[in-house]
Amino acid sequence: MWWNKAVGLEDRDELAGLDLIESFDAWLSERLDEAHAAGRDLAFFDTDIKQLESGRYVGWSHVLLEPGCHPPLGETWTVYRLQTQPVERELRPD
């Protein structure tokens, strides 16, 4: 399973897939709320998975983007376009 290959975990055999999925669900829900409140789109990628003292896992980095903008180069981003995207208009000579 993909969680057994997650970067950063020292003992992958101790990780239950459901624990990781629930942690990601909570993390993503918080980021989506943050993006909606800011009027932005959300982009994120996987980083090293770590377990917090609370037992929850973290392992994702994110940025909030102006609607229609692209995330920074260098990572494999997942982008959620949450806002109405700007429409490019054709420029016509006068």
Protein backbone atom coordinates (compact mmCIF):
# COMPACT_ATOMS: atom_id res chain seq x y z
CA MET A 1 0.00 0.00 0.00
CA TRP A 2 1.12 3.56 -0.66
CA TRP A 3 1.29 4.54 3.03
CA ASN A 4 3.95 1.88 3.61
CA LYS A 5 6.13 3.82 1.18
CA ALA A 6 5.46 7.21 2.77
CA VAL A 7 8.62 9.24 3.20
CA GLY A 8 9.64 10.13 6.74
CA LEU A 9 8.10 7.29 8.72
CA GLU A 10 10.58 5.18 10.61
CA ASP A 11 8.28 2.24 11.32
CA ARG A 12 5.85 1.95 8.44
CA ASP A 13 4.54 -1.39 9.73
CA GLU A 14 2.98 0.45 12.68
CA LEU A 15 1.02 2.79 10.43
CA ALA A 16 -2.59 1.90 9.74
CA GLY A 17 -3.83 3.25 6.42
CA LEU A 18 -7.04 4.47 8.01
CA ASP A 19 -5.04 6.58 10.52
CA LEU A 20 -3.21 8.30 7.68
CA ILE A 21 -6.37 8.82 5.63
CA GLU A 22 -8.21 10.28 8.63
CA SER A 23 -5.28 12.61 9.34
CA PHE A 24 -5.20 13.72 5.71
CA ASP A 25 -8.96 14.26 5.74
CA ALA A 26 -8.71 16.52 8.81
CA TRP A 27 -5.69 18.39 7.37
CA LEU A 28 -7.36 18.89 3.98
CA SER A 29 -10.64 20.04 5.54
CA GLU A 30 -8.74 22.69 7.52
CA ARG A 31 -6.84 23.86 4.42
CA LEU A 32 -10.05 24.01 2.34
CA ASP A 33 -11.73 26.14 5.02
CA GLU A 34 -8.65 28.39 5.06
CA ALA A 35 -8.69 28.75 1.25
CA HIS A 36 -12.43 29.48 1.12
CA ALA A 37 -12.14 32.10 3.87
CA ALA A 38 -9.25 33.78 2.03
CA GLY A 39 -10.93 33.63 -1.38
CA ARG A 40 -8.04 31.64 -2.82
CA ASP A 41 -7.30 28.36 -4.55
CA LEU A 42 -5.42 25.60 -2.70
CA ALA A 43 -2.28 23.79 -3.88
CA PHE A 44 -0.49 21.09 -1.88
CA PHE A 45 2.09 18.31 -2.13
CA ASP A 46 3.32 15.42 0.02
CA THR A 47 6.27 15.93 2.38
CA ASP A 48 7.80 13.72 5.08
CA ILE A 49 5.07 12.03 7.12
CA LYS A 50 5.42 12.63 10.87
CA GLN A 51 3.23 11.67 13.79
CA LEU A 52 2.30 14.44 16.22
CA GLU A 53 1.99 13.92 19.97
CA SER A 54 -1.79 13.96 19.45
CA GLY A 55 -1.44 10.82 17.34
CA ARG A 56 -2.42 12.66 14.17
CA TYR A 57 -0.12 12.52 11.17
CA VAL A 58 1.13 15.48 9.14
CA GLY A 59 3.01 15.35 5.89
CA TRP A 60 1.68 17.90 3.45
CA SER A 61 2.78 21.35 2.48
CA HIS A 62 0.46 23.90 0.93
CA VAL A 63 0.12 27.36 -0.54
CA LEU A 64 -2.93 29.50 -1.18
CA LEU A 65 -3.02 30.90 -4.70
CA GLU A 66 -4.73 33.82 -6.30
CA PRO A 67 -7.50 32.38 -8.50
CA GLY A 68 -6.04 31.10 -11.77
CA CYS A 69 -2.40 31.35 -10.68
CA HIS A 70 0.04 28.47 -10.89
CA PRO A 71 1.91 27.05 -7.88
CA PRO A 72 5.69 27.46 -7.58
CA LEU A 73 7.84 25.21 -9.73
CA GLY A 74 9.78 22.36 -8.20
CA GLU A 75 7.12 20.11 -6.65
CA THR A 76 4.32 17.89 -7.88
CA TRP A 77 1.34 19.94 -6.78
CA THR A 78 -2.30 19.04 -6.50
CA VAL A 79 -4.34 22.17 -7.16
CA TYR A 80 -7.94 22.65 -6.07
CA ARG A 81 -9.51 25.49 -8.03
CA LEU A 82 -12.02 26.70 -5.45
CA GLN A 83 -12.74 30.19 -6.72
CA THR A 84 -14.25 31.53 -9.91
CA GLN A 85 -11.35 31.63 -12.30
CA PRO A 86 -10.48 34.78 -14.23
CA VAL A 87 -11.39 34.74 -17.90
CA GLU A 88 -8.72 35.72 -20.36
CA ARG A 89 -10.15 38.15 -22.84
CA GLU A 90 -8.99 38.43 -26.39
CA LEU A 91 -7.41 41.79 -27.06
CA ARG A 92 -8.88 43.46 -30.12
CA PRO A 93 -7.23 46.32 -31.93
CA ASP A 94 -9.26 49.54 -31.83
